Amino acid sequence: MISDLTIRQVQGFDAKALGVFLEDNARPEITRHFHPFALTAATADQICGANQVDRYFIAVRQHHIVGLAMLRGWSQGFSTPSFGLLVDYRETGNGIGRRLTEFCIEEAKRIGCRRVRLTVNASNTRALQLYSSIGFAEMSREHICASGESDFKIVMLIDLN
């Protein structure tokens, strides 16, 4: 149920639970489409570390992390943040991705971002439909090989002005 979902910024004390979430989702069907970083406990420690410039958010239901979203790239000097989304494989299709995406768009507006970008594989049709329905528009498309299969990497932007 989406009504019992809490979304909040990641805190230092979330490292262990986030590590479990990431490692549970380190599955080929997930990592084929989600690969900005390794899905490990060490990555969770880095995300939850102090002095984080980039912003990470979790969706929590009944004390379990069921989704992770991010606005990142500031730590590498980019002015336009890149959005990323990971929903627990057991929770796909339950509206968590939409809630996290909308939350991050509102957060980006609140902190004064002019736009947000994302990258998605063309074969990830569910994510493409979600992002298009929220207002992201395709800016470029590049042929890639993902997990040994032909695909397209699509860069999308949403203007927040």
Protein backbone atom coordinates (compact mmCIF):
# COMPACT_ATOMS: atom_id res chain seq x y z
CA MET A 1 0.00 0.00 0.00
CA ILE A 2 1.39 3.37 -1.02
CA SER A 3 -0.34 5.28 1.79
CA ASP A 4 1.94 3.77 4.44
CA LEU A 5 5.10 4.85 2.61
CA THR A 6 7.51 7.37 4.15
CA ILE A 7 10.10 9.15 2.00
CA ARG A 8 13.01 10.92 3.63
CA GLN A 9 16.63 11.84 3.11
CA VAL A 10 19.14 9.13 3.99
CA GLN A 11 20.70 9.45 7.44
CA GLY A 12 23.91 7.97 8.83
CA PHE A 13 22.02 5.40 10.86
CA ASP A 14 20.46 4.00 7.64
CA ALA A 15 23.73 2.43 6.47
CA LYS A 16 23.02 -1.13 7.64
CA ALA A 17 19.43 -1.24 6.33
CA LEU A 18 20.48 0.42 3.08
CA GLY A 19 23.25 -2.14 2.68
CA VAL A 20 20.72 -4.95 3.05
CA PHE A 21 18.42 -3.25 0.51
CA LEU A 22 21.23 -2.79 -2.02
CA GLU A 23 22.57 -6.32 -1.64
CA ASP A 24 19.05 -7.82 -1.89
CA ASN A 25 18.63 -6.00 -5.20
CA ALA A 26 22.05 -6.93 -6.64
CA ARG A 27 20.33 -9.19 -9.14
CA PRO A 28 21.04 -9.35 -12.89
CA GLU A 29 17.53 -8.19 -13.81
CA ILE A 30 18.11 -5.07 -11.66
CA THR A 31 21.76 -4.32 -12.40
CA ARG A 32 21.14 -4.56 -16.15
CA HIS A 33 19.21 -1.28 -15.84
CA PHE A 34 20.62 0.21 -12.63
CA HIS A 35 24.40 0.56 -12.53
CA PRO A 36 25.54 3.97 -11.22
CA PHE A 37 27.37 2.15 -8.41
CA ALA A 38 27.83 -1.30 -6.92
CA LEU A 39 24.89 -2.57 -4.88
CA THR A 40 26.92 -3.36 -1.77
CA ALA A 41 27.11 -2.57 1.93
CA ALA A 42 30.25 -0.52 1.23
CA THR A 43 28.27 1.67 -1.16
CA ALA A 44 25.58 2.10 1.50
CA ASP A 45 28.26 3.29 3.93
CA GLN A 46 29.46 5.86 1.38
CA ILE A 47 25.91 7.08 0.65
CA CYS A 48 25.16 7.44 4.35
CA GLY A 49 28.48 9.10 5.13
CA ALA A 50 28.75 12.60 6.49
CA ASN A 51 29.45 15.59 4.24
CA GLN A 52 27.41 14.18 1.35
CA VAL A 53 26.94 16.83 -1.36
CA ASP A 54 24.66 14.65 -3.45
CA ARG A 55 21.21 13.85 -2.09
CA TYR A 56 19.85 10.37 -1.51
CA PHE A 57 16.33 9.53 -0.42
CA ILE A 58 14.72 6.32 0.76
CA ALA A 59 11.18 5.05 0.71
CA VAL A 60 10.39 3.15 3.90
CA ARG A 61 7.45 0.89 4.61
CA GLN A 62 7.04 -0.93 7.93
CA HIS A 63 10.67 -0.20 8.87
CA HIS A 64 12.02 -1.67 5.59
CA ILE A 65 13.64 0.28 2.78
CA VAL A 66 11.67 -0.39 -0.39
CA GLY A 67 13.17 2.26 -2.67
CA LEU A 68 16.14 4.57 -3.18
CA ALA A 69 16.23 7.74 -5.26
CA MET A 70 19.01 10.22 -5.81
CA LEU A 71 19.88 13.61 -7.12
CA ARG A 72 23.61 13.42 -7.72
CA GLY A 73 26.46 14.83 -9.73
CA TRP A 74 27.11 17.93 -7.66
CA SER A 75 30.05 16.14 -6.02
CA GLN A 76 31.62 15.85 -9.50
CA GLY A 77 30.98 19.53 -10.25
CA PHE A 78 27.86 19.24 -12.43
CA SER A 79 25.23 21.96 -12.07
CA THR A 80 22.35 19.79 -13.30
CA PRO A 81 21.73 16.83 -11.02
CA SER A 82 21.25 13.33 -12.37
CA PHE A 83 18.25 11.46 -11.06
CA GLY A 84 18.43 7.78 -10.25
CA LEU A 85 15.82 5.35 -8.98
CA LEU A 86 15.92 1.85 -7.54
CA VAL A 87 12.77 0.12 -6.33
CA ASP A 88 12.98 -3.20 -4.51
CA TYR A 89 12.39 -6.00 -7.00
CA ARG A 90 9.55 -7.32 -4.81
CA GLU A 91 7.78 -3.94 -4.91
CA THR A 92 7.81 -2.98 -8.60
CA GLY A 93 4.46 -1.86 -9.96
CA ASN A 94 3.19 -0.59 -6.60
CA GLY A 95 3.64 3.15 -7.24
CA ILE A 96 6.84 3.55 -5.23
CA GLY A 97 8.86 4.65 -8.25
CA ARG A 98 6.36 7.37 -9.14
CA ARG A 99 6.23 8.65 -5.55
CA LEU A 100 10.03 8.77 -5.28
CA THR A 101 10.40 10.45 -8.67
CA GLU A 102 7.81 13.10 -7.87
CA PHE A 103 9.39 13.65 -4.45
CA CYS A 104 12.83 14.21 -6.01
CA ILE A 105 11.44 16.60 -8.63
CA GLU A 106 9.82 18.67 -5.87
CA GLU A 107 13.06 18.58 -3.86
CA ALA A 108 15.04 19.73 -6.91
CA LYS A 109 12.61 22.64 -7.37
CA ARG A 110 12.81 23.51 -3.68
CA ILE A 111 16.59 23.82 -3.76
CA GLY A 112 16.56 25.88 -6.97
CA CYS A 113 17.52 23.41 -9.69
CA ARG A 114 16.57 24.56 -13.17
CA ARG A 115 16.40 21.03 -14.58
CA VAL A 116 17.10 17.39 -13.78
CA ARG A 117 18.56 14.79 -16.11
CA LEU A 118 18.47 11.02 -16.13
CA THR A 119 19.73 8.13 -18.20
CA VAL A 120 17.57 5.10 -18.93
CA ASN A 121 17.85 2.09 -21.21
CA ALA A 122 15.25 1.86 -23.97
CA SER A 123 14.54 -1.73 -22.93
CA ASN A 124 13.44 -0.47 -19.49
CA THR A 125 9.96 0.31 -20.83
CA ARG A 126 8.31 0.65 -17.41
CA ALA A 127 10.81 3.36 -16.36
CA LEU A 128 10.55 5.13 -19.74
CA GLN A 129 6.78 5.33 -19.41
CA LEU A 130 7.06 6.65 -15.86
CA TYR A 131 9.59 9.34 -16.72
CA SER A 132 7.69 10.46 -19.83
CA SER A 133 4.43 10.69 -17.88
CA ILE A 134 6.11 12.96 -15.30
CA GLY A 135 7.47 15.30 -17.97
CA PHE A 136 10.98 14.12 -18.82
CA ALA A 137 11.78 14.51 -22.52
CA GLU A 138 14.31 12.57 -24.56
CA MET A 139 17.41 14.62 -25.41
CA SER A 140 19.66 11.96 -26.94
CA ARG A 141 19.85 8.28 -27.75
CA GLU A 142 22.99 6.17 -28.15
CA HIS A 143 23.34 2.52 -29.15
CA ILE A 144 24.94 0.41 -26.40
CA CYS A 145 25.49 -3.21 -25.46
CA ALA A 146 23.94 -3.92 -22.05
CA SER A 147 24.54 -7.32 -20.45
CA GLY A 148 25.50 -8.70 -23.84
CA GLU A 149 22.36 -7.41 -25.54
CA SER A 150 21.80 -4.56 -27.96
CA ASP A 151 20.02 -1.60 -26.38
CA PHE A 152 19.87 2.19 -26.42
CA LYS A 153 20.97 4.57 -23.66
CA ILE A 154 18.50 7.46 -23.54
CA VAL A 155 19.28 10.77 -21.83
CA MET A 156 16.18 12.63 -20.66
CA LEU A 157 15.68 16.09 -19.13
CA ILE A 158 12.89 17.81 -17.27
CA ASP A 159 12.78 21.61 -17.16
CA LEU A 160 11.73 22.81 -13.71
CA ASN A 161 11.12 26.49 -14.57
